[in-house]
C-alpha cells in the first residue's frame, strides 16, 4: 500500500487573506465600540442614557472580541493565522471590560 504524496500548494497566502477578513472586520467593530465607550462622558450621576451607552458599547466590544477569538480558535484558521492576528481584538475587549467595571 502506498501513501499518496503530500501536495504543498502556494494557496496559503490567499487562504490567510480570506480567513483574515472576518477577524479584521470584527477587530474594526470592536475598535469602534471601544472608542465610543471611552469617549462617552456622562454629564452627571443622573445621566442614565450616557451610562447605558457606555455599557452597550462595552458589551458590543466584548462581543466582537470574543467572536474574533472564536473564529481564530477554529483549527483551520489557527493553523494558518498566528495569535497576533486576534491579539488587537482581545486587547480591545479587555479595555472595554475595564471601562465597564469602572463604571461611567
PDB file of N, CA and C in Angstrom:
ATOM      1  N   UNK A   1       0.846  -1.171   0.000  1.00  0.00           N
ATOM      2  CA  UNK A   1       0.000   0.000   0.000  1.00  0.00           C
ATOM      3  C   UNK A   1       0.892   1.235   0.000  1.00  0.00           C
ATOM      4  N   UNK A   2       0.630   2.140  -0.880  1.00  0.00           N
ATOM      5  CA  UNK A   2       1.445   3.339  -0.985  1.00  0.00           C
ATOM      6  C   UNK A   2       0.652   4.535  -0.486  1.00  0.00           C
ATOM      7  N   UNK A   3       1.364   5.429   0.120  1.00  0.00           N
ATOM      8  CA  UNK A   3       0.744   6.664   0.593  1.00  0.00           C
ATOM      9  C   UNK A   3       0.707   7.671  -0.535  1.00  0.00           C
ATOM     10  N   UNK A   4      -0.354   8.431  -0.565  1.00  0.00           N
ATOM     11  CA  UNK A   4      -0.419   9.482  -1.573  1.00  0.00           C
ATOM     12  C   UNK A   4       0.541  10.598  -1.181  1.00  0.00           C
ATOM     13  N   UNK A   5       1.239  11.157  -2.134  1.00  0.00           N
ATOM     14  CA  UNK A   5       2.193  12.222  -1.814  1.00  0.00           C
ATOM     15  C   UNK A   5       1.462  13.471  -1.318  1.00  0.00           C
ATOM     16  N   UNK A   6       2.072  14.120  -0.381  1.00  0.00           N
ATOM     17  CA  UNK A   6       1.517  15.359   0.151  1.00  0.00           C
ATOM     18  C   UNK A   6       1.831  16.488  -0.812  1.00  0.00           C
ATOM     19  N   UNK A   7       0.804  17.121  -1.284  1.00  0.00           N
ATOM     20  CA  UNK A   7       0.970  18.218  -2.226  1.00  0.00           C
ATOM     21  C   UNK A   7       0.887  19.520  -1.443  1.00  0.00           C
ATOM     22  N   UNK A   8       1.963  20.258  -1.459  1.00  0.00           N
ATOM     23  CA  UNK A   8       2.005  21.540  -0.765  1.00  0.00           C
ATOM     24  C   UNK A   8       1.768  22.641  -1.789  1.00  0.00           C
ATOM     25  N   UNK A   9       0.655  23.299  -1.677  1.00  0.00           N
ATOM     26  CA  UNK A   9       0.330  24.348  -2.639  1.00  0.00           C
ATOM     27  C   UNK A   9       0.713  25.702  -2.073  1.00  0.00           C
ATOM     28  N   UNK A  10       0.758  26.667  -2.935  1.00  0.00           N
ATOM     29  CA  UNK A  10       1.096  28.028  -2.538  1.00  0.00           C
ATOM     30  C   UNK A  10      -0.154  28.865  -2.284  1.00  0.00           C
ATOM     31  N   UNK A  11      -1.259  28.220  -1.991  1.00  0.00           N
ATOM     32  CA  UNK A  11      -2.504  28.936  -1.745  1.00  0.00           C
ATOM     33  C   UNK A  11      -2.624  29.435  -0.315  1.00  0.00           C
ATOM     34  N   UNK A  12      -1.617  29.204   0.501  1.00  0.00           N
ATOM     35  CA  UNK A  12      -1.700  29.637   1.899  1.00  0.00           C
ATOM     36  C   UNK A  12      -1.805  31.147   2.010  1.00  0.00           C
ATOM     37  N   UNK A  13      -1.140  31.896   1.173  1.00  0.00           N
ATOM     38  CA  UNK A  13      -1.231  33.350   1.223  1.00  0.00           C
ATOM     39  C   UNK A  13      -2.643  33.820   0.959  1.00  0.00           C
ATOM     40  N   UNK A  14      -3.301  33.202  -0.012  1.00  0.00           N
ATOM     41  CA  UNK A  14      -4.686  33.538  -0.322  1.00  0.00           C
ATOM     42  C   UNK A  14      -5.609  33.110   0.812  1.00  0.00           C
ATOM     43  N   UNK A  15      -5.339  31.951   1.391  1.00  0.00           N
ATOM     44  CA  UNK A  15      -6.157  31.454   2.490  1.00  0.00           C
ATOM     45  C   UNK A  15      -6.055  32.365   3.706  1.00  0.00           C
ATOM     46  N   UNK A  16      -4.873  32.861   3.980  1.00  0.00           N
ATOM     47  CA  UNK A  16      -4.697  33.790   5.107  1.00  0.00           C
ATOM     48  C   UNK A  16      -5.511  35.046   4.868  1.00  0.00           C
ATOM     49  N   UNK A  17      -5.509  35.543   3.659  1.00  0.00           N
ATOM     50  CA  UNK A  17      -6.261  36.760   3.363  1.00  0.00           C
ATOM     51  C   UNK A  17      -7.763  36.530   3.518  1.00  0.00           C
ATOM     52  N   UNK A  18      -8.240  35.374   3.078  1.00  0.00           N
ATOM     53  CA  UNK A  18      -9.665  35.072   3.192  1.00  0.00           C
ATOM     54  C   UNK A  18     -10.060  34.904   4.657  1.00  0.00           C
ATOM     55  N   UNK A  19      -9.241  34.196   5.423  1.00  0.00           N
ATOM     56  CA  UNK A  19      -9.553  33.968   6.829  1.00  0.00           C
ATOM     57  C   UNK A  19      -9.343  35.225   7.670  1.00  0.00           C
ATOM     58  N   UNK A  20      -8.505  36.120   7.202  1.00  0.00           N
ATOM     59  CA  UNK A  20      -8.250  37.353   7.942  1.00  0.00           C
ATOM     60  C   UNK A  20      -9.410  38.332   7.844  1.00  0.00           C
ATOM     61  N   UNK A  21     -10.225  38.222   6.823  1.00  0.00           N
ATOM     62  CA  UNK A  21     -11.315  39.180   6.627  1.00  0.00           C
ATOM     63  C   UNK A  21     -12.255  39.238   7.837  1.00  0.00           C
ATOM     64  N   UNK A  22     -12.808  38.101   8.308  1.00  0.00           N
ATOM     65  CA  UNK A  22     -13.703  38.240   9.468  1.00  0.00           C
ATOM     66  C   UNK A  22     -12.979  38.702  10.729  1.00  0.00           C
ATOM     67  N   UNK A  23     -11.752  38.266  10.921  1.00  0.00           N
ATOM     68  CA  UNK A  23     -11.004  38.684  12.112  1.00  0.00           C
ATOM     69  C   UNK A  23     -10.733  40.184  12.067  1.00  0.00           C
ATOM     70  N   UNK A  24     -10.334  40.699  10.929  1.00  0.00           N
ATOM     71  CA  UNK A  24     -10.050  42.130  10.790  1.00  0.00           C
ATOM     72  C   UNK A  24     -11.340  42.948  10.926  1.00  0.00           C
ATOM     73  N   UNK A  25     -12.418  42.501  10.307  1.00  0.00           N
ATOM     74  CA  UNK A  25     -13.686  43.232  10.416  1.00  0.00           C
ATOM     75  C   UNK A  25     -14.188  43.252  11.854  1.00  0.00           C
ATOM     76  N   UNK A  26     -14.087  42.135  12.546  1.00  0.00           N
ATOM     77  CA  UNK A  26     -14.513  42.092  13.942  1.00  0.00           C
ATOM     78  C   UNK A  26     -13.616  42.966  14.818  1.00  0.00           C
ATOM     79  N   UNK A  27     -12.341  43.035  14.480  1.00  0.00           N
ATOM     80  CA  UNK A  27     -11.437  43.913  15.224  1.00  0.00           C
ATOM     81  C   UNK A  27     -11.799  45.377  14.998  1.00  0.00           C
ATOM     82  N   UNK A  28     -12.153  45.737  13.788  1.00  0.00           N
ATOM     83  CA  UNK A  28     -12.576  47.103  13.496  1.00  0.00           C
ATOM     84  C   UNK A  28     -13.875  47.446  14.229  1.00  0.00           C
ATOM     85  N   UNK A  29     -14.806  46.509  14.265  1.00  0.00           N
ATOM     86  CA  UNK A  29     -16.056  46.727  15.005  1.00  0.00           C
ATOM     87  C   UNK A  29     -15.755  46.911  16.484  1.00  0.00           C
ATOM     88  N   UNK A  30     -14.891  46.046  17.023  1.00  0.00           N
ATOM     89  CA  UNK A  30     -14.507  46.161  18.438  1.00  0.00           C
ATOM     90  C   UNK A  30     -13.815  47.497  18.694  1.00  0.00           C
ATOM     91  N   UNK A  31     -12.970  47.933  17.786  1.00  0.00           N
ATOM     92  CA  UNK A  31     -12.284  49.210  17.934  1.00  0.00           C
ATOM     93  C   UNK A  31     -13.243  50.387  17.949  1.00  0.00           C
ATOM     94  N   UNK A  32     -14.239  50.353  17.081  1.00  0.00           N
ATOM     95  CA  UNK A  32     -15.215  51.442  17.046  1.00  0.00           C
ATOM     96  C   UNK A  32     -15.996  51.520  18.347  1.00  0.00           C
ATOM     97  N   UNK A  33     -16.517  50.384  18.792  1.00  0.00           N
ATOM     98  CA  UNK A  33     -17.315  50.404  20.014  1.00  0.00           C
ATOM     99  C   UNK A  33     -16.471  50.684  21.247  1.00  0.00           C
ATOM    100  N   UNK A  34     -15.232  50.264  21.250  1.00  0.00           N
ATOM    101  CA  UNK A  34     -14.341  50.593  22.366  1.00  0.00           C
ATOM    102  C   UNK A  34     -14.085  52.100  22.394  1.00  0.00           C
ATOM    103  N   UNK A  35     -13.882  52.686  21.230  1.00  0.00           N
ATOM    104  CA  UNK A  35     -13.689  54.136  21.139  1.00  0.00           C
ATOM    105  C   UNK A  35     -14.911  54.868  21.682  1.00  0.00           C
ATOM    106  N   UNK A  36     -16.116  54.416  21.300  1.00  0.00           N
ATOM    107  CA  UNK A  36     -17.315  55.087  21.806  1.00  0.00           C
ATOM    108  C   UNK A  36     -17.452  54.904  23.313  1.00  0.00           C
ATOM    109  N   UNK A  37     -17.096  53.729  23.820  1.00  0.00           N
ATOM    110  CA  UNK A  37     -17.174  53.507  25.270  1.00  0.00           C
ATOM    111  C   UNK A  37     -16.218  54.425  26.021  1.00  0.00           C
ATOM    112  N   UNK A  38     -15.072  54.697  25.427  1.00  0.00           N
ATOM    113  CA  UNK A  38     -14.084  55.546  26.092  1.00  0.00           C
ATOM    114  C   UNK A  38     -14.371  57.041  25.946  1.00  0.00           C
ATOM    115  N   UNK A  39     -15.101  57.427  24.919  1.00  0.00           N
ATOM    116  CA  UNK A  39     -15.331  58.851  24.680  1.00  0.00           C
ATOM    117  C   UNK A  39     -16.650  59.363  25.238  1.00  0.00           C
ATOM    118  N   UNK A  40     -17.582  58.464  25.541  1.00  0.00           N
ATOM    119  CA  UNK A  40     -18.850  58.910  26.124  1.00  0.00           C
ATOM    120  C   UNK A  40     -18.598  59.347  27.563  1.00  0.00           C
ATOM    121  N   UNK A  41     -19.018  60.554  27.880  1.00  0.00           N
ATOM    122  CA  UNK A  41     -18.863  61.103  29.227  1.00  0.00           C
ATOM    123  C   UNK A  41     -20.235  61.487  29.769  1.00  0.00           C
ATOM    124  N   UNK A  42     -20.651  60.875  30.868  1.00  0.00           N
ATOM    125  CA  UNK A  42     -21.928  61.283  31.468  1.00  0.00           C
ATOM    126  C   UNK A  42     -21.852  62.716  32.007  1.00  0.00           C
ATOM    127  N   UNK A  43     -22.944  63.428  31.912  1.00  0.00           N
ATOM    128  CA  UNK A  43     -22.998  64.802  32.422  1.00  0.00           C
ATOM    129  C   UNK A  43     -23.061  64.837  33.939  1.00  0.00           C
ATOM    130  N   UNK A  44     -23.494  63.752  34.530  1.00  0.00           N
ATOM    131  CA  UNK A  44     -23.590  63.664  35.981  1.00  0.00           C
ATOM    132  C   UNK A  44     -24.087  62.286  36.375  1.00  0.00           C
ATOM    133  N   UNK A  45     -24.299  62.106  37.682  1.00  0.00           N
ATOM    134  CA  UNK A  45     -24.763  60.810  38.178  1.00  0.00           C
ATOM    135  C   UNK A  45     -26.172  60.503  37.674  1.00  0.00           C
ATOM    136  N   UNK A  46     -26.911  61.521  37.310  1.00  0.00           N
ATOM    137  CA  UNK A  46     -28.270  61.362  36.839  1.00  0.00           C
ATOM    138  C   UNK A  46     -28.365  60.978  35.362  1.00  0.00           C
ATOM    139  N   UNK A  47     -27.252  61.015  34.631  1.00  0.00           N
ATOM    140  CA  UNK A  47     -27.248  60.779  33.177  1.00  0.00           C
ATOM    141  C   UNK A  47     -27.269  59.279  32.875  1.00  0.00           C
ATOM    142  N   UNK A  48     -28.453  58.695  33.006  1.00  0.00           N
ATOM    143  CA  UNK A  48     -28.605  57.256  32.785  1.00  0.00           C
ATOM    144  C   UNK A  48     -28.416  56.864  31.319  1.00  0.00           C
ATOM    145  N   UNK A  49     -28.752  57.750  30.400  1.00  0.00           N
ATOM    146  CA  UNK A  49     -28.607  57.437  28.982  1.00  0.00           C
ATOM    147  C   UNK A  49     -27.133  57.275  28.592  1.00  0.00           C
ATOM    148  N   UNK A  50     -26.286  58.138  29.096  1.00  0.00           N
ATOM    149  CA  UNK A  50     -24.853  58.025  28.796  1.00  0.00           C
ATOM    150  C   UNK A  50     -24.273  56.756  29.418  1.00  0.00           C
ATOM    151  N   UNK A  51     -24.692  56.447  30.635  1.00  0.00           N
ATOM    152  CA  UNK A  51     -24.209  55.218  31.283  1.00  0.00           C
ATOM    153  C   UNK A  51     -24.670  53.982  30.522  1.00  0.00           C
ATOM    154  N   UNK A  52     -25.910  54.010  30.027  1.00  0.00           N
ATOM    155  CA  UNK A  52     -26.413  52.894  29.221  1.00  0.00           C
ATOM    156  C   UNK A  52     -25.641  52.786  27.905  1.00  0.00           C
ATOM    157  N   UNK A  53     -25.281  53.914  27.311  1.00  0.00           N
ATOM    158  CA  UNK A  53     -24.474  53.903  26.084  1.00  0.00           C
ATOM    159  C   UNK A  53     -23.094  53.320  26.322  1.00  0.00           C
ATOM    160  N   UNK A  54     -22.503  53.634  27.462  1.00  0.00           N
ATOM    161  CA  UNK A  54     -21.184  53.080  27.797  1.00  0.00           C
ATOM    162  C   UNK A  54     -21.280  51.572  27.957  1.00  0.00           C
ATOM    163  N   UNK A  55     -22.298  51.119  28.682  1.00  0.00           N
ATOM    164  CA  UNK A  55     -22.474  49.676  28.886  1.00  0.00           C
ATOM    165  C   UNK A  55     -22.714  48.967  27.555  1.00  0.00           C
ATOM    166  N   UNK A  56     -23.573  49.540  26.716  1.00  0.00           N
ATOM    167  CA  UNK A  56     -23.846  48.934  25.413  1.00  0.00           C
ATOM    168  C   UNK A  56     -22.584  48.878  24.560  1.00  0.00           C
ATOM    169  N   UNK A  57     -21.816  49.938  24.543  1.00  0.00           N
ATOM    170  CA  UNK A  57     -20.572  49.947  23.772  1.00  0.00           C
ATOM    171  C   UNK A  57     -19.593  48.904  24.292  1.00  0.00           C
ATOM    172  N   UNK A  58     -19.518  48.763  25.601  1.00  0.00           N
ATOM    173  CA  UNK A  58     -18.620  47.758  26.188  1.00  0.00           C
ATOM    174  C   UNK A  58     -19.076  46.344  25.838  1.00  0.00           C
ATOM    175  N   UNK A  59     -20.379  46.106  25.903  1.00  0.00           N
ATOM    176  CA  UNK A  59     -20.914  44.784  25.560  1.00  0.00           C
ATOM    177  C   UNK A  59     -20.638  44.467  24.093  1.00  0.00           C
ATOM    178  N   UNK A  60     -20.843  45.436  23.217  1.00  0.00           N
ATOM    179  CA  UNK A  60     -20.588  45.216  21.789  1.00  0.00           C
ATOM    180  C   UNK A  60     -19.105  44.972  21.526  1.00  0.00           C
ATOM    181  N   UNK A  61     -18.234  45.693  22.215  1.00  0.00           N
ATOM    182  CA  UNK A  61     -16.790  45.485  22.056  1.00  0.00           C
ATOM    183  C   UNK A  61     -16.405  44.089  22.502  1.00  0.00           C
ATOM    184  N   UNK A  62     -16.869  43.693  23.670  1.00  0.00           N
ATOM    185  CA  UNK A  62     -16.531  42.367  24.193  1.00  0.00           C
ATOM    186  C   UNK A  62     -17.112  41.278  23.297  1.00  0.00           C
ATOM    187  N   UNK A  63     -18.324  41.487  22.809  1.00  0.00           N
ATOM    188  CA  UNK A  63     -18.932  40.508  21.898  1.00  0.00           C
ATOM    189  C   UNK A  63     -18.143  40.341  20.610  1.00  0.00           C
ATOM    190  N   UNK A  64     -17.708  41.448  20.023  1.00  0.00           N
ATOM    191  CA  UNK A  64     -16.919  41.370  18.790  1.00  0.00           C
ATOM    192  C   UNK A  64     -15.560  40.728  19.050  1.00  0.00           C
ATOM    193  N   UNK A  65     -14.959  41.038  20.198  1.00  0.00           N
ATOM    194  CA  UNK A  65     -13.659  40.457  20.533  1.00  0.00           C
ATOM    195  C   UNK A  65     -13.768  38.961  20.764  1.00  0.00           C
ATOM    196  N   UNK A  66     -14.803  38.543  21.469  1.00  0.00           N
ATOM    197  CA  UNK A  66     -14.999  37.105  21.719  1.00  0.00           C
ATOM    198  C   UNK A  66     -15.289  36.369  20.414  1.00  0.00           C
ATOM    199  N   UNK A  67     -16.067  36.988  19.543  1.00  0.00           N
ATOM    200  CA  UNK A  67     -16.354  36.369  18.244  1.00  0.00           C
ATOM    201  C   UNK A  67     -15.088  36.248  17.406  1.00  0.00           C
ATOM    202  N   UNK A  68     -14.252  37.274  17.404  1.00  0.00           N
ATOM    203  CA  UNK A  68     -12.975  37.191  16.677  1.00  0.00           C
ATOM    204  C   UNK A  68     -12.106  36.080  17.259  1.00  0.00           C
ATOM    205  N   UNK A  69     -12.093  35.969  18.578  1.00  0.00           N
ATOM    206  CA  UNK A  69     -11.339  34.887  19.215  1.00  0.00           C
ATOM    207  C   UNK A  69     -11.904  33.525  18.865  1.00  0.00           C
ATOM    208  N   UNK A  70     -13.228  33.429  18.791  1.00  0.00           N
ATOM    209  CA  UNK A  70     -13.857  32.154  18.431  1.00  0.00           C
ATOM    210  C   UNK A  70     -13.540  31.761  16.990  1.00  0.00           C
ATOM    211  N   UNK A  71     -13.500  32.739  16.104  1.00  0.00           N
ATOM    212  CA  UNK A  71     -13.126  32.444  14.707  1.00  0.00           C
ATOM    213  C   UNK A  71     -11.677  31.966  14.656  1.00  0.00           C
ATOM    214  N   UNK A  72     -10.812  32.615  15.424  1.00  0.00           N
ATOM    215  CA  UNK A  72      -9.396  32.252  15.401  1.00  0.00           C
ATOM    216  C   UNK A  72      -9.156  30.878  16.021  1.00  0.00           C
ATOM    217  N   UNK A  73      -9.963  30.468  16.981  1.00  0.00           N
ATOM    218  CA  UNK A  73      -9.763  29.185  17.657  1.00  0.00           C
ATOM    219  C   UNK A  73     -10.061  28.003  16.737  1.00  0.00           C
ATOM    220  N   UNK A  74     -10.843  28.203  15.703  1.00  0.00           N
ATOM    221  CA  UNK A  74     -11.128  27.107  14.776  1.00  0.00           C
ATOM    222  C   UNK A  74      -9.818  26.556  14.212  1.00  0.00           C
ATOM    223  N   UNK A  75      -9.644  25.236  14.225  1.00  0.00           N
ATOM    224  CA  UNK A  75      -8.359  24.653  13.800  1.00  0.00           C
ATOM    225  C   UNK A  75      -7.873  25.085  12.418  1.00  0.00           C
ATOM    226  N   UNK A  76      -8.718  25.153  11.372  1.00  0.00           N
ATOM    227  CA  UNK A  76      -8.174  25.584  10.077  1.00  0.00           C
ATOM    228  C   UNK A  76      -7.652  27.021  10.103  1.00  0.00           C
ATOM    229  N   UNK A  77      -8.321  27.866  10.867  1.00  0.00           N
ATOM    230  CA  UNK A  77      -7.900  29.266  10.949  1.00  0.00           C
ATOM    231  C   UNK A  77      -6.615  29.372  11.768  1.00  0.00           C
ATOM    232  N   UNK A  78      -6.565  28.668  12.900  1.00  0.00           N
ATOM    233  CA  UNK A  78      -5.406  28.739  13.785  1.00  0.00           C
ATOM    234  C   UNK A  78      -4.150  28.184  13.120  1.00  0.00           C
ATOM    235  N   UNK A  79      -4.318  27.181  12.246  1.00  0.00           N
ATOM    236  CA  UNK A  79      -3.164  26.621  11.539  1.00  0.00           C
ATOM    237  C   UNK A  79      -2.513  27.625  10.596  1.00  0.00           C
ATOM    238  N   UNK A  80      -3.311  28.519  10.057  1.00  0.00           N
ATOM    239  CA  UNK A  80      -2.824  29.443   9.033  1.00  0.00           C
ATOM    240  C   UNK A  80      -2.468  30.806   9.611  1.00  0.00           C
ATOM    241  N   UNK A  81      -3.209  31.246  10.631  1.00  0.00           N
ATOM    242  CA  UNK A  81      -3.014  32.585  11.183  1.00  0.00           C
ATOM    243  C   UNK A  81      -2.362  32.504  12.552  1.00  0.00           C
ATOM    244  N   UNK A  82      -1.429  33.377  12.807  1.00  0.00           N
ATOM    245  CA  UNK A  82      -0.765  33.437  14.101  1.00  0.00           C
ATOM    246  C   UNK A  82      -1.651  34.078  15.158  1.00  0.00           C
ATOM    247  N   UNK A  83      -1.242  33.955  16.418  1.00  0.00           N
ATOM    248  CA  UNK A  83      -2.027  34.500  17.534  1.00  0.00           C
ATOM    249  C   UNK A  83      -2.097  36.018  17.481  1.00  0.00           C
ATOM    250  N   UNK A  84      -1.128  36.652  16.874  1.00  0.00           N
ATOM    251  CA  UNK A  84      -1.103  38.117  16.842  1.00  0.00           C
ATOM    252  C   UNK A  84      -2.227  38.693  15.984  1.00  0.00           C
ATOM    253  N   UNK A  85      -2.852  37.878  15.132  1.00  0.00           N
ATOM    254  CA  UNK A  85      -3.982  38.358  14.337  1.00  0.00           C
ATOM    255  C   UNK A  85      -5.165  38.709  15.235  1.00  0.00           C
ATOM    256  N   UNK A  86      -5.355  37.945  16.306  1.00  0.00           N
ATOM    257  CA  UNK A  86      -6.516  38.137  17.165  1.00  0.00           C
ATOM    258  C   UNK A  86      -6.179  38.985  18.395  1.00  0.00           C
ATOM    259  N   UNK A  87      -4.916  39.223  18.637  1.00  0.00           N
ATOM    260  CA  UNK A  87      -4.491  39.964  19.817  1.00  0.00           C
ATOM    261  C   UNK A  87      -5.104  41.370  19.920  1.00  0.00           C
ATOM    262  N   UNK A  88      -5.149  42.180  18.864  1.00  0.00           N
ATOM    263  CA  UNK A  88      -5.763  43.514  18.998  1.00  0.00           C
ATOM    264  C   UNK A  88      -7.223  43.460  19.434  1.00  0.00           C
ATOM    265  N   UNK A  89      -7.988  42.523  18.881  1.00  0.00           N
ATOM    266  CA  UNK A  89      -9.400  42.409  19.273  1.00  0.00           C
ATOM    267  C   UNK A  89      -9.519  42.029  20.738  1.00  0.00           C
ATOM    268  N   UNK A  90      -8.686  41.110  21.196  1.00  0.00           N
ATOM    269  CA  UNK A  90      -8.742  40.690  22.595  1.00  0.00           C
ATOM    270  C   UNK A  90      -8.311  41.815  23.536  1.00  0.00           C
ATOM    271  N   UNK A  91      -7.337  42.610  23.120  1.00  0.00           N
ATOM    272  CA  UNK A  91      -6.928  43.757  23.932  1.00  0.00           C
ATOM    273  C   UNK A  91      -8.042  44.803  24.019  1.00  0.00           C
ATOM    274  N   UNK A  92      -8.726  45.033  22.912  1.00  0.00           N
ATOM    275  CA  UNK A  92      -9.857  45.962  22.926  1.00  0.00           C
ATOM    276  C   UNK A  92     -10.964  45.444  23.845  1.00  0.00           C
ATOM    277  N   UNK A  93     -11.192  44.136  23.821  1.00  0.00           N
ATOM    278  CA  UNK A  93     -12.178  43.548  24.716  1.00  0.00           C
ATOM    279  C   UNK A  93     -11.787  43.725  26.177  1.00  0.00           C
ATOM    280  N   UNK A  94     -10.503  43.604  26.470  1.00  0.00           N
ATOM    281  CA  UNK A  94     -10.029  43.803  27.847  1.00  0.00           C
ATOM    282  C   UNK A  94     -10.192  45.258  28.276  1.00  0.00           C
ATOM    283  N   UNK A  95      -9.900  46.190  27.380  1.00  0.00           N
ATOM    284  CA  UNK A  95     -10.081  47.616  27.688  1.00  0.00           C
ATOM    285  C   UNK A  95     -11.555  47.900  27.962  1.00  0.00           C
ATOM    286  N   UNK A  96     -12.440  47.339  27.155  1.00  0.00           N
ATOM    287  CA  UNK A  96     -13.873  47.548  27.358  1.00  0.00           C
ATOM    288  C   UNK A  96     -14.346  46.933  28.667  1.00  0.00           C
ATOM    289  N   UNK A  97     -13.789  45.790  29.030  1.00  0.00           N
ATOM    290  CA  UNK A  97     -14.163  45.159  30.308  1.00  0.00           C
ATOM    291  C   UNK A  97     -13.742  46.028  31.481  1.00  0.00           C
ATOM    292  N   UNK A  98     -12.560  46.627  31.376  1.00  0.00           N
ATOM    293  CA  UNK A  98     -12.100  47.532  32.448  1.00  0.00           C
ATOM    294  C   UNK A  98     -12.990  48.771  32.503  1.00  0.00           C
ATOM    295  N   UNK A  99     -13.330  49.320  31.350  1.00  0.00           N
ATOM    296  CA  UNK A  99     -14.201  50.507  31.309  1.00  0.00           C
ATOM    297  C   UNK A  99     -15.562  50.192  31.921  1.00  0.00           C
ATOM    298  N   UNK A 100     -16.098  49.013  31.604  1.00  0.00           N
ATOM    299  CA  UNK A 100     -17.398  48.608  32.129  1.00  0.00           C
ATOM    300  C   UNK A 100     -17.320  48.420  33.644  1.00  0.00           C
ATOM    301  N   UNK A 101     -16.219  47.806  34.099  1.00  0.00           N
ATOM    302  CA  UNK A 101     -16.064  47.528  35.526  1.00  0.00           C
ATOM    303  C   UNK A 101     -15.890  48.817  36.340  1.00  0.00           C
ATOM    304  N   UNK A 102     -15.240  49.809  35.745  1.00  0.00           N
ATOM    305  CA  UNK A 102     -15.020  51.064  36.476  1.00  0.00           C
ATOM    306  C   UNK A 102     -16.229  51.981  36.419  1.00  0.00           C
ATOM    307  N   UNK A 103     -17.197  51.636  35.609  1.00  0.00           N
ATOM    308  CA  UNK A 103     -18.439  52.412  35.543  1.00  0.00           C
ATOM    309  C   UNK A 103     -18.316  53.656  34.684  1.00  0.00           C
ATOM    310  N   UNK A 104     -19.416  54.362  34.575  1.00  0.00           N
ATOM    311  CA  UNK A 104     -19.446  55.557  33.749  1.00  0.00           C
ATOM    312  C   UNK A 104     -19.167  56.727  34.586  1.00  0.00           C
TER     313      UNK A 104
END
